[in-house]
Amino acid sequence: MGCFRAVRVSFGASHVRLVIQYAQTRWCSAKSTSGQRRTLDILRQELSKGPRLPDFIREGKLSKPTSAAHNEEPEETSYLPDHIGEGISRKVYFETYGCQMNVNDTDIAMSILQKKGYQQTKHLNEADVVLLVTCSIREKAEQTIWNRLQQLTAMKKKRLRSHVPMKIGILGCMAERLKTELLEREKLVDILAGPDAYRDLPRLLTVADGGHQASNVLLSLEETYADIMPVQHTPQGHSAFVSIMRGCDNMCSYCIVPFTRGRERSRPVSSILDEVRLLSDQGVKEVTLLGQNVNSYRDTSEEQFCGKDMTKLSRGFSTVYKAKKGGLRFSDLLDRVSRINPDMRVRFTSPHPKDFPDEVLQLIAERGNICKQIHLPAQSGSNHVLQAMRRGYSKEAYLELVENIKRVIPGVSLSSDFISGFCGETEEDHQQTLSLIKAVGYNVGFLFAYCMRKKTHAYHRLEDNVPPEVKQRRLAECIDVFREEAAKINSSLIGSTQLVLVEGESKRSAEDLCGRTDGNMKVVFPKEDVPAAGISSAPIKARDYVLVKILSATSQTLRGRAHSHSSLRTLEHCLSNVSNKHTQLSSEQF
């Protein structure tokens, strides 16, 4: 009497696995009959007719046997039908949280899906797929996403079943940081895609359609989406974001970005210029160059860019990594972008103070369409805290850089980031931060209480020992000082004339329009016709440049009255005919 067992043979080539099951007789007696031998021979013969290893190592393809009679070439056939991954007009709804990079990521993801037949919708109740582009910079941002997932899941369960049930996905930094928890916690998510995995979205959605959770959160050393033209969705198309690099090498001790977006890599300059030209042709009047450390841009994609010159830093600044050699630098890119259309503004964010050598500052000062506004994240005014943060500079070096910027770029507008209550911050450290805010005179501020994140240097090496109530008090004091300084700067603008790029109607009143100055300051003014070139009166619309005389100011907004239509090219001529001309500065809501 025989006993049977299944033997599993796996071939790993091209991720194809062949499972062969056969019955092998284990004899209980010393002798076997000829009939049993014949049975075993028949099994072996049948197995020999099946596919062999070479059939499974042809890039995931099966080939038909070559015809001996006609000597025909084998025809390759894909395992999966060609339509797999196609959206077939399914509607996608995006919700974007966090920084401008996430806004740009949303445009990239939609471009990839659009090529597969998906359509974007602005109405949640129409969506077949809901994708949340997430942020992990602070715990509050992540909690917002968890709450939203609960709401979307409840909606999904109540929704009537259709031939294509709604799928929910998490994209971006939170997908990278909390992949396991997102997939397992209450089964709220169908797909996960990290910042470097958006090309895989069509496949992930196909897997999810089959009833399985799907994820790809692998980080890349090369992915820049250089060949993807983002789907721009800015209202009225007056401005657009252009990603020029991804990732960060700075490894500040409080920051999660290097662990959620990977190492620094720059997009080839040629693809950036192509995108900016296309946006200019579409009538976009302002582009913002984006990156986690945008001014450390370094394109080494072509041999002629790869020289031996070392990267130049601001005086008195250092890095945790070795100096880098070669590459087309940020000043080169900024120069080329600004030449595409002299009537299109160019901004950039978010920079690091270490990457402002003089050639960058001089270019900003000389080029009329590069905005005279610089974001200069300080984070703290205490040398002790700056060292713990691994920022690579002292308060004195930072102030020296500010002085140099103001000297090279008269009337420059400065903004900054600050963290209150970092590990080990004392009351004296906090007072030094307040003194720095007063000394510089920023008009835009992004201020937060410290929130420790897992994986960071601070999480492993430092202690989060400042009580929450102390953090909040210090944060409130920093905000108060910021607003006081911004109010002083803005008040000095009353009576001046500013060139404003119109964005559209004011959110508070349909009778008013709003726009931004060169320094990124919000200006509100009445909707009325004003003179234009060769015309006594013409209406004002989005994308127009207009000269606005400032009549009042707060710490956050300027109010005024439109004087006339204008442009960047004719600005100097127009301003020369306007009295009480003041140097332009800027303000922004905290």
Protein backbone atom coordinates (compact mmCIF):
# COMPACT_ATOMS: atom_id res chain seq x y z
CA MET A 1 0.00 0.00 0.00
CA GLY A 2 1.39 3.39 -0.98
CA CYS A 3 1.48 6.77 0.82
CA PHE A 4 1.36 9.98 -1.26
CA ARG A 5 2.99 13.35 -0.68
CA ALA A 6 3.03 16.61 -2.64
CA VAL A 7 6.39 18.00 -3.67
CA ARG A 8 6.53 21.77 -4.43
CA VAL A 9 9.22 22.99 -6.81
CA SER A 10 9.69 26.79 -7.12
CA PHE A 11 11.42 28.69 -9.91
CA GLY A 12 12.11 32.32 -8.88
CA ALA A 13 13.15 33.75 -12.26
CA SER A 14 11.11 36.80 -13.30
CA HIS A 15 8.92 36.34 -10.23
CA VAL A 16 7.25 33.32 -11.86
CA ARG A 17 6.57 30.39 -9.62
CA LEU A 18 5.80 26.93 -11.01
CA VAL A 19 4.21 24.45 -8.68
CA ILE A 20 4.40 20.82 -9.67
CA GLN A 21 2.59 18.27 -7.64
CA TYR A 22 3.17 14.61 -8.20
CA ALA A 23 2.41 11.41 -6.40
CA GLN A 24 5.37 9.43 -5.24
CA THR A 25 4.68 6.01 -3.88
CA ARG A 26 6.47 5.01 -0.71
CA TRP A 27 6.52 1.32 -0.65
CA CYS A 28 5.65 -0.53 2.49
CA SER A 29 7.06 -3.84 1.23
CA ALA A 30 10.38 -4.72 -0.28
CA LYS A 31 8.83 -5.74 -3.60
CA SER A 32 6.81 -3.73 -6.12
CA THR A 33 4.58 -5.05 -8.87
CA SER A 34 5.18 -4.35 -12.55
CA GLY A 35 1.83 -2.50 -12.70
CA GLN A 36 3.00 -0.06 -10.06
CA ARG A 37 6.22 0.51 -12.01
CA ARG A 38 4.21 1.26 -15.15
CA THR A 39 2.10 3.78 -13.22
CA LEU A 40 5.20 5.63 -12.05
CA ASP A 41 6.66 5.61 -15.58
CA ILE A 42 3.44 7.13 -16.95
CA LEU A 43 3.57 9.94 -14.35
CA ARG A 44 7.16 10.72 -15.30
CA GLN A 45 6.30 10.84 -18.98
CA GLU A 46 3.44 13.28 -18.35
CA LEU A 47 5.69 15.53 -16.29
CA SER A 48 8.31 15.56 -19.04
CA LYS A 49 5.76 17.05 -21.45
CA GLY A 50 5.14 20.10 -19.23
CA PRO A 51 6.97 23.45 -19.26
CA ARG A 52 10.59 23.57 -18.18
CA LEU A 53 12.72 26.24 -16.47
CA PRO A 54 13.65 28.14 -19.71
CA ASP A 55 9.96 28.68 -20.36
CA PHE A 56 9.76 30.79 -17.19
CA ILE A 57 12.78 33.09 -17.58
CA ARG A 58 11.71 35.09 -20.64
CA GLU A 59 10.83 38.41 -18.96
CA GLY A 60 7.51 37.13 -17.72
CA LYS A 61 6.37 36.04 -21.20
CA LEU A 62 5.26 32.65 -22.64
CA SER A 63 6.15 31.74 -26.20
CA LYS A 64 4.37 29.49 -28.61
CA PRO A 65 6.57 26.65 -29.94
CA THR A 66 8.43 27.36 -33.15
CA SER A 67 6.84 25.71 -36.15
CA ALA A 68 9.38 23.28 -37.63
CA ALA A 69 7.52 23.18 -40.93
CA HIS A 70 7.43 26.93 -41.53
CA ASN A 71 10.35 28.07 -39.29
CA GLU A 72 8.15 30.87 -37.87
CA GLU A 73 9.35 33.19 -35.12
CA PRO A 74 7.62 32.48 -31.79
CA GLU A 75 4.87 34.93 -30.89
CA GLU A 76 5.21 36.41 -27.38
CA THR A 77 2.08 36.56 -25.29
CA SER A 78 1.77 38.53 -22.03
CA TYR A 79 0.44 36.80 -18.95
CA LEU A 80 -1.80 39.82 -18.24
CA PRO A 81 -4.27 41.34 -20.72
CA ASP A 82 -3.21 44.67 -22.21
CA HIS A 83 -6.11 46.55 -20.59
CA ILE A 84 -5.02 45.67 -17.06
CA GLY A 85 -4.17 48.91 -15.25
CA GLU A 86 -6.42 51.02 -17.45
CA GLY A 87 -8.74 53.43 -15.64
CA ILE A 88 -11.58 53.07 -18.15
CA SER A 89 -12.86 56.59 -17.28
CA ARG A 90 -12.94 55.95 -13.54
CA LYS A 91 -13.02 59.18 -11.53
CA VAL A 92 -10.31 60.10 -9.03
CA TYR A 93 -10.72 62.58 -6.17
CA PHE A 94 -7.59 64.01 -4.52
CA GLU A 95 -7.22 65.61 -1.10
CA THR A 96 -3.83 67.24 -0.56
CA TYR A 97 -2.32 68.00 2.84
CA GLY A 98 0.97 69.63 3.84
CA CYS A 99 3.61 71.43 1.81
CA GLN A 100 3.83 72.66 -1.78
CA MET A 101 5.75 69.50 -2.69
CA ASN A 102 2.58 67.56 -1.96
CA VAL A 103 0.64 69.87 -4.27
CA ASN A 104 3.14 69.09 -7.01
CA ASP A 105 3.00 65.36 -6.18
CA THR A 106 -0.77 65.49 -6.64
CA ASP A 107 -0.29 66.91 -10.14
CA ILE A 108 2.28 64.21 -10.97
CA ALA A 109 0.06 61.38 -9.71
CA MET A 110 -2.92 62.67 -11.68
CA SER A 111 -0.82 62.92 -14.84
CA ILE A 112 0.20 59.26 -14.49
CA LEU A 113 -3.38 58.13 -13.89
CA GLN A 114 -4.75 60.30 -16.67
CA LYS A 115 -2.57 58.49 -19.20
CA LYS A 116 -4.27 55.26 -18.09
CA GLY A 117 -7.75 56.62 -18.66
CA TYR A 118 -8.62 57.92 -15.19
CA GLN A 119 -10.44 61.25 -14.89
CA GLN A 120 -10.09 63.78 -12.07
CA THR A 121 -13.20 64.97 -10.26
CA LYS A 122 -13.65 67.81 -7.78
CA HIS A 123 -16.70 66.16 -6.23
CA LEU A 124 -16.19 63.46 -3.63
CA ASN A 125 -19.58 61.84 -4.20
CA GLU A 126 -18.60 61.13 -7.83
CA ALA A 127 -15.30 59.45 -6.99
CA ASP A 128 -14.44 55.84 -7.75
CA VAL A 129 -10.99 56.36 -6.21
CA VAL A 130 -10.15 58.69 -3.31
CA LEU A 131 -6.44 59.46 -2.83
CA LEU A 132 -5.08 61.42 0.14
CA VAL A 133 -1.67 63.02 -0.43
CA THR A 134 -0.30 63.15 3.11
CA CYS A 135 2.22 64.88 5.37
CA SER A 136 4.17 63.41 8.31
CA ILE A 137 6.03 66.48 9.50
CA ARG A 138 3.95 66.70 12.70
CA GLU A 139 1.71 64.38 14.68
CA LYS A 140 -1.29 66.70 14.24
CA ALA A 141 -1.05 66.36 10.46
CA GLU A 142 -1.15 62.57 10.74
CA GLN A 143 -4.09 62.60 13.15
CA THR A 144 -6.03 64.67 10.64
CA ILE A 145 -5.53 61.88 8.09
CA TRP A 146 -6.61 59.14 10.54
CA ASN A 147 -9.83 61.05 11.23
CA ARG A 148 -10.43 61.57 7.53
CA LEU A 149 -9.93 57.85 6.83
CA GLN A 150 -12.65 57.02 9.36
CA GLN A 151 -15.03 59.38 7.58
CA LEU A 152 -14.22 58.03 4.13
CA THR A 153 -14.56 54.41 5.26
CA ALA A 154 -18.01 55.13 6.69
CA MET A 155 -18.96 56.74 3.37
CA LYS A 156 -17.59 53.75 1.47
CA LYS A 157 -19.73 51.31 3.49
CA LYS A 158 -22.91 53.36 3.00
CA ARG A 159 -22.36 53.83 -0.69
CA LEU A 160 -24.49 51.66 -2.97
CA ARG A 161 -22.52 48.85 -4.57
CA SER A 162 -21.57 49.51 -8.17
CA HIS A 163 -19.63 47.59 -10.78
CA VAL A 164 -16.53 49.47 -9.57
CA PRO A 165 -16.57 49.90 -5.75
CA MET A 166 -14.80 52.95 -4.32
CA LYS A 167 -11.13 52.53 -3.36
CA ILE A 168 -9.23 54.58 -0.78
CA GLY A 169 -5.50 55.26 -1.02
CA ILE A 170 -2.79 57.02 0.97
CA LEU A 171 0.05 58.70 -0.95
CA GLY A 172 3.19 60.52 0.15
CA CYS A 173 5.12 60.79 3.39
CA MET A 174 2.59 59.15 5.72
CA ALA A 175 2.43 56.10 3.46
CA GLU A 176 6.20 55.84 3.74
CA ARG A 177 6.38 56.31 7.52
CA LEU A 178 3.37 54.27 8.69
CA LYS A 179 3.00 51.61 6.00
CA THR A 180 2.39 48.66 8.32
CA GLU A 181 -0.02 50.47 10.60
CA LEU A 182 -1.98 51.92 7.67
CA LEU A 183 -2.51 48.51 6.10
CA GLU A 184 -3.44 46.71 9.31
CA ARG A 185 -5.31 49.28 11.42
CA GLU A 186 -9.02 48.62 10.90
CA LYS A 187 -8.36 47.88 7.22
CA LEU A 188 -9.05 51.49 6.25
CA VAL A 189 -6.81 51.65 3.18
CA ASP A 190 -6.86 49.80 -0.16
CA ILE A 191 -3.58 51.11 -1.57
CA LEU A 192 -0.39 52.79 -0.34
CA ALA A 193 2.13 54.61 -2.54
CA GLY A 194 5.24 56.35 -1.22
CA PRO A 195 6.64 59.55 -2.78
CA ASP A 196 8.79 57.60 -5.24
CA ALA A 197 6.13 55.06 -6.27
CA TYR A 198 3.52 57.11 -8.14
CA ARG A 199 4.34 55.42 -11.44
CA ASP A 200 3.02 52.22 -9.86
CA LEU A 201 -0.42 53.64 -9.06
CA PRO A 202 -2.27 52.01 -12.01
CA ARG A 203 -0.98 48.56 -11.03
CA LEU A 204 -1.76 49.10 -7.36
CA LEU A 205 -5.33 50.07 -8.21
CA THR A 206 -5.67 46.97 -10.38
CA VAL A 207 -4.57 44.77 -7.48
CA ALA A 208 -7.02 46.58 -5.18
CA ASP A 209 -9.83 45.93 -7.68
CA GLY A 210 -9.15 42.25 -7.17
CA GLY A 211 -10.00 42.59 -3.50
CA HIS A 212 -6.45 42.81 -2.13
CA GLN A 213 -4.56 45.59 -0.37
CA ALA A 214 -1.62 46.84 -2.44
CA SER A 215 1.41 48.90 -1.49
CA ASN A 216 4.68 50.24 -2.87
CA VAL A 217 6.70 52.45 -0.56
CA LEU A 218 10.18 51.80 -1.90
CA LEU A 219 12.43 54.87 -1.89
CA SER A 220 14.60 55.59 -4.92
CA LEU A 221 18.03 57.11 -5.42
CA GLU A 222 17.10 58.20 -8.94
CA GLU A 223 13.37 58.97 -9.27
CA THR A 224 12.66 62.63 -10.11
CA TYR A 225 9.60 62.19 -12.42
CA ALA A 226 11.56 64.24 -14.95
CA ASP A 227 9.55 62.85 -17.87
CA ILE A 228 6.14 63.44 -16.23
CA MET A 229 4.33 66.66 -17.14
CA PRO A 230 2.19 67.44 -14.07
CA VAL A 231 -1.51 68.18 -14.50
CA GLN A 232 -1.75 71.79 -13.32
CA HIS A 233 -4.91 72.67 -11.41
CA THR A 234 -4.13 76.11 -9.93
CA PRO A 235 -7.29 78.31 -10.10
CA GLN A 236 -7.23 80.55 -13.18
CA GLY A 237 -3.73 79.23 -13.93
CA HIS A 238 -1.94 82.36 -12.71
CA SER A 239 0.82 80.37 -10.97
CA ALA A 240 2.31 76.89 -10.97
CA PHE A 241 4.76 74.75 -8.98
CA VAL A 242 7.72 73.10 -10.73
CA SER A 243 9.62 70.40 -8.84
CA ILE A 244 13.37 70.58 -9.51
CA MET A 245 14.72 68.09 -6.95
CA ARG A 246 13.54 65.55 -4.39
CA GLY A 247 14.78 64.30 -1.04
CA CYS A 248 17.22 65.86 1.42
CA ASP A 249 20.74 65.10 2.70
CA ASN A 250 20.87 67.62 5.57
CA MET A 251 19.73 65.21 8.30
CA CYS A 252 18.60 67.92 10.76
CA SER A 253 17.98 66.11 14.02
CA TYR A 254 14.27 67.02 14.23
CA CYS A 255 13.33 66.29 10.61
CA ILE A 256 11.58 63.22 9.19
CA VAL A 257 11.94 64.25 5.51
CA PRO A 258 15.13 62.25 4.70
CA PHE A 259 13.36 59.12 5.94
CA THR A 260 10.07 59.69 4.09
CA ARG A 261 11.38 61.22 0.85
CA GLY A 262 14.85 59.73 0.65
CA ARG A 263 18.21 61.07 -0.40
CA GLU A 264 18.72 64.21 -2.44
CA ARG A 265 18.63 63.97 -6.26
CA SER A 266 18.10 66.70 -8.85
CA ARG A 267 16.00 66.70 -11.97
CA PRO A 268 17.83 67.35 -15.29
CA VAL A 269 17.82 71.02 -16.21
CA SER A 270 16.52 70.33 -19.72
CA SER A 271 13.26 68.79 -18.46
CA ILE A 272 12.73 71.69 -16.02
CA LEU A 273 13.18 74.26 -18.79
CA ASP A 274 10.78 72.34 -21.05
CA GLU A 275 8.10 72.40 -18.35
CA VAL A 276 8.56 76.11 -17.62
CA ARG A 277 8.35 76.93 -21.35
CA LEU A 278 5.09 74.99 -21.63
CA LEU A 279 3.65 76.82 -18.62
CA SER A 280 4.70 80.15 -20.12
CA ASP A 281 3.00 79.25 -23.39
CA GLN A 282 -0.17 78.45 -21.41
CA GLY A 283 -0.17 81.96 -19.93
CA VAL A 284 1.10 81.15 -16.43
CA LYS A 285 2.56 84.32 -14.91
CA GLU A 286 4.43 82.88 -11.92
CA VAL A 287 6.39 79.66 -11.34
CA THR A 288 7.73 78.45 -8.00
CA LEU A 289 10.71 76.08 -8.12
CA LEU A 290 10.27 73.38 -5.49
CA GLY A 291 12.52 71.12 -3.45
CA GLN A 292 13.15 70.02 0.12
CA ASN A 293 16.47 71.89 -0.13
CA VAL A 294 15.80 73.68 -3.39
CA ASN A 295 18.94 75.81 -3.53
CA SER A 296 21.27 72.79 -3.19
CA TYR A 297 20.17 71.79 -6.71
CA ARG A 298 22.99 70.04 -8.59
CA ASP A 299 22.39 68.50 -12.03
CA THR A 300 25.00 65.89 -12.97
CA SER A 301 22.94 64.26 -15.72
CA GLU A 302 25.29 65.33 -18.52
CA GLU A 303 29.05 64.85 -18.75
CA GLN A 304 29.80 68.52 -19.43
CA PHE A 305 28.18 69.42 -16.08
CA CYS A 306 30.45 67.12 -14.07
CA GLY A 307 33.43 69.35 -13.30
CA LYS A 308 35.73 69.28 -10.30
CA ASP A 309 34.50 72.46 -8.60
CA MET A 310 33.27 71.93 -5.05
CA THR A 311 29.85 73.10 -3.90
CA LYS A 312 30.03 76.60 -2.40
CA LEU A 313 28.23 77.33 0.87
CA SER A 314 27.29 80.56 2.61
CA ARG A 315 30.15 81.89 4.72
CA GLY A 316 30.22 80.36 8.21
CA PHE A 317 27.99 77.38 7.32
CA SER A 318 28.78 73.66 7.27
CA THR A 319 27.07 70.33 6.51
CA VAL A 320 26.96 66.84 8.01
CA TYR A 321 27.95 65.41 4.61
CA LYS A 322 31.08 65.86 2.52
CA ALA A 323 31.26 68.68 -0.01
CA LYS A 324 29.95 67.62 -3.42
CA LYS A 325 31.79 68.01 -6.71
CA GLY A 326 30.55 69.12 -10.10
CA GLY A 327 27.09 69.61 -11.48
CA LEU A 328 25.04 72.48 -12.79
CA ARG A 329 24.22 74.57 -9.72
CA PHE A 330 21.13 76.43 -8.55
CA SER A 331 22.39 79.80 -9.80
CA ASP A 332 22.78 78.32 -13.29
CA LEU A 333 19.26 76.89 -13.24
CA LEU A 334 17.74 80.10 -11.86
CA ASP A 335 19.47 82.11 -14.59
CA ARG A 336 18.12 79.85 -17.37
CA VAL A 337 14.58 79.70 -15.98
CA SER A 338 14.36 83.48 -15.59
CA ARG A 339 15.35 84.02 -19.25
CA ILE A 340 12.40 82.01 -20.63
CA ASN A 341 9.86 84.81 -20.15
CA PRO A 342 10.88 88.19 -18.67
CA ASP A 343 7.21 88.85 -17.82
CA MET A 344 6.86 85.67 -15.70
CA ARG A 345 7.81 85.80 -12.02
CA VAL A 346 10.14 83.16 -10.60
CA ARG A 347 10.10 82.08 -6.95
CA PHE A 348 11.69 79.15 -5.11
CA THR A 349 11.07 77.26 -1.88
CA SER A 350 12.15 75.81 0.46
CA PRO A 351 15.84 76.72 0.68
CA HIS A 352 18.46 76.13 3.37
CA PRO A 353 20.52 79.14 4.57
CA LYS A 354 23.78 77.30 3.86
CA ASP A 355 23.19 77.40 0.10
CA PHE A 356 23.19 81.17 -0.56
CA PRO A 357 26.61 81.92 -2.02
CA ASP A 358 27.05 85.40 -3.46
CA GLU A 359 26.40 84.35 -7.07
CA VAL A 360 22.83 83.34 -6.16
CA LEU A 361 22.17 86.61 -4.35
CA GLN A 362 23.66 88.73 -7.15
CA LEU A 363 21.50 86.97 -9.75
CA ILE A 364 18.35 87.66 -7.72
CA ALA A 365 19.32 91.32 -7.42
CA GLU A 366 20.04 91.70 -11.14
CA ARG A 367 17.16 89.78 -12.71
CA GLY A 368 13.89 91.75 -12.71
CA ASN A 369 11.54 88.73 -12.76
CA ILE A 370 13.21 86.79 -9.92
CA CYS A 371 11.23 87.79 -6.85
CA LYS A 372 13.12 89.73 -4.21
CA GLN A 373 11.81 87.46 -1.50
CA ILE A 374 13.92 84.86 0.32
CA HIS A 375 12.78 82.22 2.74
CA LEU A 376 15.53 81.81 5.34
CA PRO A 377 14.60 79.10 7.89
CA ALA A 378 16.35 79.85 11.19
CA GLN A 379 14.54 77.33 13.48
CA SER A 380 16.13 78.86 16.61
CA GLY A 381 18.15 81.85 17.78
CA SER A 382 20.19 79.84 20.31
CA ASN A 383 23.58 78.38 19.39
CA HIS A 384 23.01 75.58 21.89
CA VAL A 385 19.74 74.58 20.26
CA LEU A 386 21.07 75.06 16.70
CA GLN A 387 23.89 72.64 17.49
CA ALA A 388 21.43 70.09 18.90
CA MET A 389 19.35 70.51 15.74
CA ARG A 390 22.45 69.86 13.58
CA ARG A 391 21.75 72.96 11.51
CA GLY A 392 25.39 73.67 10.65
CA TYR A 393 25.55 77.35 11.68
CA SER A 394 25.55 79.72 14.64
CA LYS A 395 23.29 82.68 15.34
CA GLU A 396 26.18 84.99 14.45
CA ALA A 397 26.73 83.31 11.05
CA TYR A 398 23.01 83.52 10.32
CA LEU A 399 22.89 87.26 11.13
CA GLU A 400 25.96 87.84 8.96
CA LEU A 401 24.14 86.12 6.08
CA VAL A 402 21.05 88.30 6.65
CA GLU A 403 23.22 91.43 6.54
CA ASN A 404 24.84 90.27 3.31
CA ILE A 405 21.46 89.51 1.71
CA LYS A 406 20.10 92.95 2.59
CA ARG A 407 23.23 94.58 1.21
CA VAL A 408 23.16 92.70 -2.11
CA ILE A 409 19.36 92.83 -2.54
CA PRO A 410 18.03 96.18 -1.26
CA GLY A 411 14.40 95.96 -0.13
CA VAL A 412 14.45 92.18 0.07
CA SER A 413 11.55 90.47 1.83
CA LEU A 414 12.54 87.77 4.34
CA SER A 415 10.52 84.92 5.81
CA SER A 416 11.49 82.13 8.18
CA ASP A 417 10.61 78.95 10.10
CA PHE A 418 10.95 78.54 13.87
CA ILE A 419 10.46 75.61 16.26
CA SER A 420 9.55 76.32 19.88
CA GLY A 421 10.39 73.91 22.68
CA PHE A 422 13.02 71.73 21.00
CA CYS A 423 14.84 69.16 23.13
CA GLY A 424 16.75 70.84 25.96
CA GLU A 425 15.59 74.39 25.09
CA THR A 426 15.86 76.64 28.13
CA GLU A 427 14.15 79.95 28.84
CA GLU A 428 17.37 81.71 27.91
CA ASP A 429 17.43 79.85 24.57
CA HIS A 430 13.85 81.00 23.94
CA GLN A 431 14.75 84.63 24.69
CA GLN A 432 17.60 84.43 22.16
CA THR A 433 15.10 83.27 19.55
CA LEU A 434 12.86 86.27 20.29
CA SER A 435 15.84 88.59 19.96
CA LEU A 436 16.70 87.09 16.56
CA ILE A 437 13.16 87.65 15.30
CA LYS A 438 13.37 91.30 16.35
CA ALA A 439 16.84 91.77 14.90
CA VAL A 440 16.01 90.43 11.42
CA GLY A 441 12.51 91.87 10.94
CA TYR A 442 10.74 89.11 9.04
CA ASN A 443 7.34 89.72 7.52
CA VAL A 444 6.34 86.08 7.02
CA GLY A 445 6.63 83.38 9.65
CA PHE A 446 5.88 79.67 9.94
CA LEU A 447 6.12 78.76 13.61
CA PHE A 448 5.42 75.47 15.36
CA ALA A 449 5.79 73.74 18.69
CA TYR A 450 8.26 70.86 18.55
CA CYS A 451 6.83 67.40 17.95
CA MET A 452 9.25 64.48 18.12
CA ARG A 453 9.09 62.04 15.19
CA LYS A 454 10.28 58.45 15.14
CA LYS A 455 13.37 57.56 13.07
CA THR A 456 14.91 61.02 13.49
CA HIS A 457 18.27 61.68 15.16
CA ALA A 458 16.48 63.48 18.01
CA TYR A 459 14.26 60.44 18.64
CA HIS A 460 17.30 58.20 19.13
CA ARG A 461 19.72 60.61 20.83
CA LEU A 462 17.81 63.42 22.56
CA GLU A 463 15.09 63.81 25.17
CA ASP A 464 11.85 65.64 24.48
CA ASN A 465 11.94 67.30 27.90
CA VAL A 466 10.12 70.62 27.42
CA PRO A 467 6.57 70.36 28.85
CA PRO A 468 3.73 70.83 26.30
CA GLU A 469 2.32 73.87 28.09
CA VAL A 470 5.76 75.54 28.01
CA LYS A 471 6.09 74.83 24.29
CA GLN A 472 2.72 76.45 23.62
CA ARG A 473 3.54 79.52 25.70
CA ARG A 474 6.84 80.03 23.93
CA LEU A 475 5.19 79.51 20.56
CA ALA A 476 2.55 82.15 21.35
CA GLU A 477 5.26 84.62 22.38
CA CYS A 478 7.18 84.02 19.13
CA ILE A 479 4.02 84.58 17.08
CA ASP A 480 3.27 87.82 18.93
CA VAL A 481 6.76 89.18 18.24
CA PHE A 482 6.53 88.12 14.60
CA ARG A 483 3.25 89.99 14.16
CA GLU A 484 4.60 93.10 15.84
CA GLU A 485 7.58 93.22 13.48
CA ALA A 486 5.44 92.46 10.40
CA ALA A 487 3.00 95.24 11.33
CA LYS A 488 5.88 97.73 11.51
CA ILE A 489 7.20 96.71 8.10
CA ASN A 490 3.78 96.80 6.46
CA SER A 491 2.86 100.15 7.97
CA SER A 492 5.89 101.67 6.26
CA LEU A 493 4.34 100.73 2.91
CA ILE A 494 1.27 102.93 3.29
CA GLY A 495 1.31 105.45 0.45
CA SER A 496 3.62 103.33 -1.74
CA THR A 497 2.71 101.70 -5.05
CA GLN A 498 3.18 97.94 -5.51
CA LEU A 499 3.06 95.75 -8.60
CA VAL A 500 0.46 93.05 -7.91
CA LEU A 501 -0.18 89.81 -9.81
CA VAL A 502 -3.95 89.31 -9.65
CA GLU A 503 -5.15 85.91 -8.43
CA GLY A 504 -8.91 86.49 -8.57
CA GLU A 505 -11.75 87.56 -6.31
CA SER A 506 -11.15 88.04 -2.61
CA LYS A 507 -12.50 85.20 -0.47
CA ARG A 508 -14.28 87.67 1.79
CA SER A 509 -16.01 89.81 -0.83
CA ALA A 510 -16.93 89.41 -4.48
CA GLU A 511 -16.57 93.20 -4.78
CA ASP A 512 -12.82 92.96 -4.14
CA LEU A 513 -9.88 91.40 -5.96
CA CYS A 514 -6.73 90.02 -4.39
CA GLY A 515 -3.20 89.32 -5.53
CA ARG A 516 0.43 89.10 -4.47
CA THR A 517 3.34 91.48 -4.55
CA ASP A 518 6.87 90.58 -5.58
CA GLY A 519 7.50 89.84 -1.89
CA ASN A 520 4.55 87.40 -1.77
CA MET A 521 2.42 89.77 0.29
CA LYS A 522 -1.37 89.57 -0.04
CA VAL A 523 -3.02 92.77 -1.34
CA VAL A 524 -6.80 93.36 -1.44
CA PHE A 525 -8.32 96.12 -3.60
CA PRO A 526 -11.73 97.07 -5.12
CA LYS A 527 -12.84 95.47 -8.39
CA GLU A 528 -12.92 98.34 -10.88
CA ASP A 529 -11.72 99.22 -14.37
CA VAL A 530 -8.36 101.00 -14.65
CA PRO A 531 -6.27 102.42 -17.53
CA ALA A 532 -4.22 100.06 -19.69
CA ALA A 533 -1.71 100.61 -22.48
CA GLY A 534 -3.47 102.66 -25.17
CA ILE A 535 -6.86 102.21 -23.47
CA SER A 536 -8.50 104.65 -21.08
CA SER A 537 -10.22 101.92 -19.10
CA ALA A 538 -10.10 98.11 -18.98
CA PRO A 539 -11.37 95.50 -16.47
CA ILE A 540 -8.96 93.65 -14.19
CA LYS A 541 -8.86 89.87 -14.36
CA ALA A 542 -6.77 86.98 -13.02
CA ARG A 543 -3.20 86.83 -14.43
CA ASP A 544 -3.09 90.63 -14.90
CA TYR A 545 -0.34 92.77 -13.41
CA VAL A 546 -1.68 95.98 -11.88
CA LEU A 547 -0.14 98.83 -9.92
CA VAL A 548 -1.88 99.26 -6.57
CA LYS A 549 -1.45 102.19 -4.20
CA ILE A 550 -1.38 100.96 -0.59
CA LEU A 551 -3.85 102.76 1.68
CA SER A 552 -3.79 100.64 4.87
CA ALA A 553 -1.97 97.64 6.35
CA THR A 554 -2.11 94.95 9.02
CA SER A 555 0.49 92.39 10.01
CA GLN A 556 -0.96 90.03 7.43
CA THR A 557 -2.58 91.98 4.58
CA LEU A 558 -2.30 95.22 2.63
CA ARG A 559 -5.31 97.09 1.27
CA GLY A 560 -5.21 99.58 -1.57
CA ARG A 561 -6.66 100.85 -4.86
CA ALA A 562 -5.63 99.82 -8.37
CA HIS A 563 -3.86 102.57 -10.31
CA SER A 564 -3.33 101.03 -13.78
CA HIS A 565 -2.49 97.88 -15.70
CA SER A 566 1.22 97.14 -15.98
CA SER A 567 3.79 94.38 -16.56
CA LEU A 568 7.19 93.35 -15.26
CA ARG A 569 8.82 94.72 -18.42
CA THR A 570 7.31 98.17 -18.06
CA LEU A 571 7.43 98.34 -14.26
CA GLU A 572 10.38 100.71 -13.97
CA HIS A 573 8.88 103.12 -16.47
CA CYS A 574 5.49 103.08 -14.73
CA LEU A 575 6.94 103.52 -11.24
CA SER A 576 9.02 106.47 -12.35
CA ASN A 577 5.76 108.37 -12.92
CA VAL A 578 4.29 107.49 -9.55
CA SER A 579 5.04 109.66 -6.53
CA ASN A 580 5.82 108.41 -3.04
CA LYS A 581 7.59 105.35 -4.40
CA HIS A 582 8.71 103.08 -1.56
CA THR A 583 10.82 99.95 -1.46
CA GLN A 584 8.62 96.86 -1.64
CA LEU A 585 8.44 94.48 1.30
CA SER A 586 5.97 91.72 2.07
CA SER A 587 3.70 90.13 4.62
CA GLU A 588 1.87 86.84 4.94
CA GLN A 589 -0.65 85.29 7.27
CA PHE A 590 0.84 83.27 10.07
